[in-house]
């Protein structure tokens, strides 16, 4: 699976509805994501990641601890989340 850089992320296609299309991959090189992103299935994110509102995550996405999500984010089946430290 491809590991994406911030520069590659910045250049992803934006669809006609204003959503950034993010292919399946590993997004552990950075941890701040804007509003209206659609992430492909089996994508991985590192701890302390922050996602803007209206993000969409396809099946089997994996999240490390200490993440935050904006309003109206949607998660498909079998997304996994690690517990945050107290």
N, C-alpha and C. Protein backbone atom coordinates (compact mmCIF):
# COMPACT_ATOMS: atom_id res chain seq x y z
N UNK A 1 0.85 -1.17 0.00
CA UNK A 1 0.00 0.00 0.00
C UNK A 1 0.90 1.24 0.00
N UNK A 2 0.52 2.25 -0.73
CA UNK A 2 1.32 3.47 -0.88
C UNK A 2 1.24 4.35 0.36
N UNK A 3 2.39 4.91 0.75
CA UNK A 3 2.44 5.88 1.83
C UNK A 3 2.49 7.27 1.19
N UNK A 4 1.50 8.10 1.52
CA UNK A 4 1.39 9.43 0.90
C UNK A 4 2.08 10.50 1.73
N UNK A 5 2.57 11.52 1.04
CA UNK A 5 3.19 12.67 1.69
C UNK A 5 2.18 13.82 1.72
N UNK A 6 2.47 14.84 2.50
CA UNK A 6 1.61 16.02 2.55
C UNK A 6 1.49 16.65 1.16
N UNK A 7 2.58 16.71 0.43
CA UNK A 7 2.56 17.31 -0.90
C UNK A 7 1.63 16.54 -1.84
N UNK A 8 1.69 15.21 -1.80
CA UNK A 8 0.80 14.41 -2.64
C UNK A 8 -0.66 14.64 -2.23
N UNK A 9 -0.91 14.67 -0.93
CA UNK A 9 -2.27 14.91 -0.42
C UNK A 9 -2.79 16.26 -0.93
N UNK A 10 -1.95 17.27 -0.88
CA UNK A 10 -2.36 18.61 -1.32
C UNK A 10 -2.77 18.64 -2.78
N UNK A 11 -2.26 17.70 -3.57
CA UNK A 11 -2.53 17.69 -5.01
C UNK A 11 -3.58 16.68 -5.44
N UNK A 12 -4.26 16.02 -4.49
CA UNK A 12 -5.31 15.07 -4.86
C UNK A 12 -6.47 15.81 -5.54
N UNK A 13 -7.17 15.07 -6.39
CA UNK A 13 -8.32 15.59 -7.14
C UNK A 13 -9.44 16.01 -6.19
N UNK A 14 -10.15 17.06 -6.56
CA UNK A 14 -11.36 17.49 -5.85
C UNK A 14 -12.53 17.27 -6.80
N UNK A 15 -13.54 16.54 -6.33
CA UNK A 15 -14.67 16.21 -7.20
C UNK A 15 -15.62 17.40 -7.37
N UNK A 16 -16.66 17.21 -8.16
CA UNK A 16 -17.59 18.29 -8.49
C UNK A 16 -18.37 18.80 -7.27
N UNK A 17 -18.39 18.01 -6.17
CA UNK A 17 -19.07 18.43 -4.95
C UNK A 17 -18.12 19.05 -3.93
N UNK A 18 -16.86 19.22 -4.32
CA UNK A 18 -15.89 19.85 -3.43
C UNK A 18 -15.20 18.90 -2.47
N UNK A 19 -15.34 17.57 -2.66
CA UNK A 19 -14.68 16.58 -1.81
C UNK A 19 -13.33 16.21 -2.39
N UNK A 20 -12.32 16.17 -1.54
CA UNK A 20 -10.99 15.72 -1.95
C UNK A 20 -11.00 14.20 -1.96
N UNK A 21 -10.61 13.59 -3.09
CA UNK A 21 -10.61 12.14 -3.25
C UNK A 21 -9.23 11.62 -2.84
N UNK A 22 -9.19 10.87 -1.74
CA UNK A 22 -7.95 10.36 -1.17
C UNK A 22 -7.91 8.84 -1.35
N UNK A 23 -7.05 8.34 -2.22
CA UNK A 23 -7.01 6.90 -2.46
C UNK A 23 -6.65 6.10 -1.22
N UNK A 24 -6.94 4.81 -1.25
CA UNK A 24 -6.51 3.93 -0.16
C UNK A 24 -5.01 4.07 0.01
N UNK A 25 -4.56 4.12 1.26
CA UNK A 25 -3.13 4.25 1.49
C UNK A 25 -2.79 4.49 2.93
N UNK A 26 -1.53 4.83 3.15
CA UNK A 26 -1.01 5.09 4.48
C UNK A 26 -0.77 6.59 4.60
N UNK A 27 -1.43 7.20 5.57
CA UNK A 27 -1.38 8.65 5.78
C UNK A 27 -0.70 8.97 7.11
N UNK A 28 0.43 8.35 7.37
CA UNK A 28 1.11 8.55 8.65
C UNK A 28 2.26 9.55 8.58
N UNK A 29 2.47 10.18 7.43
CA UNK A 29 3.53 11.19 7.30
C UNK A 29 3.10 12.55 7.84
N UNK A 30 1.80 12.71 8.05
CA UNK A 30 1.24 13.98 8.54
C UNK A 30 -0.06 13.66 9.26
N UNK A 31 -0.64 14.62 9.95
CA UNK A 31 -1.82 14.27 10.74
C UNK A 31 -2.93 15.31 10.79
N UNK A 32 -2.91 16.30 9.93
CA UNK A 32 -4.00 17.27 9.89
C UNK A 32 -4.65 17.22 8.51
N UNK A 33 -5.95 16.98 8.51
CA UNK A 33 -6.69 16.82 7.27
C UNK A 33 -7.84 17.82 7.23
N UNK A 34 -8.06 18.38 6.07
CA UNK A 34 -9.08 19.41 5.91
C UNK A 34 -10.50 18.83 5.86
N UNK A 35 -11.48 19.71 5.73
CA UNK A 35 -12.88 19.32 5.57
C UNK A 35 -13.09 18.59 4.24
N UNK A 36 -14.12 17.77 4.21
CA UNK A 36 -14.62 17.15 2.98
C UNK A 36 -13.57 16.31 2.26
N UNK A 37 -13.02 15.33 2.96
CA UNK A 37 -12.11 14.35 2.37
C UNK A 37 -12.80 12.99 2.31
N UNK A 38 -12.59 12.26 1.24
CA UNK A 38 -13.09 10.90 1.13
C UNK A 38 -11.87 10.00 1.05
N UNK A 39 -11.70 9.12 2.06
CA UNK A 39 -10.56 8.23 2.14
C UNK A 39 -10.95 6.83 1.71
N UNK A 40 -10.12 6.21 0.88
CA UNK A 40 -10.36 4.85 0.40
C UNK A 40 -10.26 3.82 1.50
N UNK A 41 -10.78 2.63 1.22
CA UNK A 41 -10.78 1.55 2.22
C UNK A 41 -9.36 1.15 2.59
N UNK A 42 -9.24 0.63 3.80
CA UNK A 42 -7.96 0.14 4.34
C UNK A 42 -6.92 1.23 4.52
N UNK A 43 -7.32 2.48 4.64
CA UNK A 43 -6.37 3.56 4.88
C UNK A 43 -5.94 3.57 6.34
N UNK A 44 -4.71 4.01 6.61
CA UNK A 44 -4.13 4.06 7.95
C UNK A 44 -3.76 5.49 8.30
N UNK A 45 -3.99 5.87 9.56
CA UNK A 45 -3.69 7.21 10.05
C UNK A 45 -2.94 7.12 11.36
N UNK A 46 -2.05 8.07 11.62
CA UNK A 46 -1.25 8.02 12.86
C UNK A 46 -1.97 8.67 14.02
N UNK A 47 -1.40 8.50 15.23
CA UNK A 47 -2.01 9.08 16.41
C UNK A 47 -1.97 10.59 16.35
N UNK A 48 -2.88 11.21 17.09
CA UNK A 48 -3.04 12.67 17.14
C UNK A 48 -3.49 13.26 15.82
N UNK A 49 -4.17 12.49 15.00
CA UNK A 49 -4.68 13.00 13.73
C UNK A 49 -5.95 13.82 13.97
N UNK A 50 -6.14 14.82 13.13
CA UNK A 50 -7.31 15.69 13.22
C UNK A 50 -7.94 15.80 11.83
N UNK A 51 -9.26 15.58 11.77
CA UNK A 51 -9.98 15.60 10.51
C UNK A 51 -11.06 16.67 10.55
N UNK A 52 -11.22 17.39 9.46
CA UNK A 52 -12.25 18.42 9.38
C UNK A 52 -13.63 17.80 9.24
N UNK A 53 -14.64 18.66 9.15
CA UNK A 53 -16.01 18.19 9.07
C UNK A 53 -16.30 17.55 7.72
N UNK A 54 -17.30 16.69 7.71
CA UNK A 54 -17.81 16.03 6.52
C UNK A 54 -16.80 15.12 5.83
N UNK A 55 -15.89 14.51 6.58
CA UNK A 55 -14.98 13.52 6.01
C UNK A 55 -15.69 12.17 5.95
N UNK A 56 -15.29 11.36 4.98
CA UNK A 56 -15.91 10.05 4.77
C UNK A 56 -14.80 9.01 4.70
N UNK A 57 -14.98 7.91 5.44
CA UNK A 57 -13.98 6.86 5.52
C UNK A 57 -14.60 5.55 5.06
N UNK A 58 -14.01 4.93 4.03
CA UNK A 58 -14.53 3.66 3.54
C UNK A 58 -14.14 2.51 4.46
N UNK A 59 -14.56 1.30 4.13
CA UNK A 59 -14.37 0.11 4.97
C UNK A 59 -12.93 -0.08 5.43
N UNK A 60 -12.80 -0.58 6.66
CA UNK A 60 -11.53 -1.05 7.21
C UNK A 60 -10.45 0.01 7.36
N UNK A 61 -10.82 1.25 7.61
CA UNK A 61 -9.81 2.27 7.91
C UNK A 61 -9.34 2.07 9.35
N UNK A 62 -8.08 2.40 9.62
CA UNK A 62 -7.47 2.17 10.92
C UNK A 62 -6.93 3.47 11.49
N UNK A 63 -7.29 3.75 12.74
CA UNK A 63 -6.91 4.99 13.40
C UNK A 63 -6.12 4.69 14.67
N UNK A 64 -5.01 5.37 14.87
CA UNK A 64 -4.26 5.24 16.12
C UNK A 64 -4.92 6.11 17.18
N UNK A 65 -4.32 6.18 18.36
CA UNK A 65 -4.94 6.90 19.48
C UNK A 65 -4.90 8.41 19.30
N UNK A 66 -5.76 9.08 20.08
CA UNK A 66 -5.82 10.55 20.18
C UNK A 66 -6.18 11.25 18.87
N UNK A 67 -7.22 10.82 18.24
CA UNK A 67 -7.70 11.41 17.01
C UNK A 67 -8.89 12.31 17.30
N UNK A 68 -9.19 13.23 16.39
CA UNK A 68 -10.40 14.05 16.53
C UNK A 68 -11.04 14.22 15.17
N UNK A 69 -12.38 14.31 15.18
CA UNK A 69 -13.15 14.38 13.95
C UNK A 69 -14.13 15.54 14.02
N UNK A 70 -14.27 16.26 12.91
CA UNK A 70 -15.25 17.33 12.82
C UNK A 70 -16.66 16.77 12.69
N UNK A 71 -17.62 17.66 12.60
CA UNK A 71 -19.03 17.27 12.48
C UNK A 71 -19.29 16.50 11.20
N UNK A 72 -20.26 15.61 11.28
CA UNK A 72 -20.80 14.88 10.13
C UNK A 72 -19.81 13.96 9.44
N UNK A 73 -18.79 13.46 10.14
CA UNK A 73 -17.90 12.45 9.55
C UNK A 73 -18.63 11.11 9.51
N UNK A 74 -18.36 10.32 8.48
CA UNK A 74 -19.04 9.05 8.28
C UNK A 74 -18.00 7.94 8.18
N UNK A 75 -18.28 6.80 8.86
CA UNK A 75 -17.37 5.67 8.89
C UNK A 75 -18.10 4.43 8.38
N UNK A 76 -17.50 3.75 7.41
CA UNK A 76 -18.07 2.52 6.89
C UNK A 76 -17.76 1.36 7.84
N UNK A 77 -18.13 0.16 7.45
CA UNK A 77 -17.97 -1.05 8.28
C UNK A 77 -16.52 -1.34 8.63
N UNK A 78 -16.31 -1.84 9.84
CA UNK A 78 -15.04 -2.38 10.31
C UNK A 78 -13.92 -1.37 10.40
N UNK A 79 -14.22 -0.09 10.56
CA UNK A 79 -13.16 0.87 10.89
C UNK A 79 -12.73 0.57 12.32
N UNK A 80 -11.44 0.68 12.61
CA UNK A 80 -10.94 0.36 13.95
C UNK A 80 -10.28 1.57 14.58
N UNK A 81 -10.46 1.69 15.89
CA UNK A 81 -9.94 2.82 16.65
C UNK A 81 -9.19 2.30 17.87
N UNK A 82 -7.98 2.80 18.09
CA UNK A 82 -7.24 2.45 19.32
C UNK A 82 -7.69 3.38 20.43
N UNK A 83 -7.61 2.91 21.67
CA UNK A 83 -8.02 3.71 22.82
C UNK A 83 -7.06 4.86 23.05
N UNK A 84 -7.61 5.99 23.48
CA UNK A 84 -6.80 7.13 23.84
C UNK A 84 -6.22 6.95 25.23
N UNK A 85 -5.08 7.56 25.48
CA UNK A 85 -4.52 7.56 26.84
C UNK A 85 -5.32 8.52 27.69
N UNK A 86 -5.55 8.18 28.98
CA UNK A 86 -6.34 9.10 29.84
C UNK A 86 -5.55 10.35 30.16
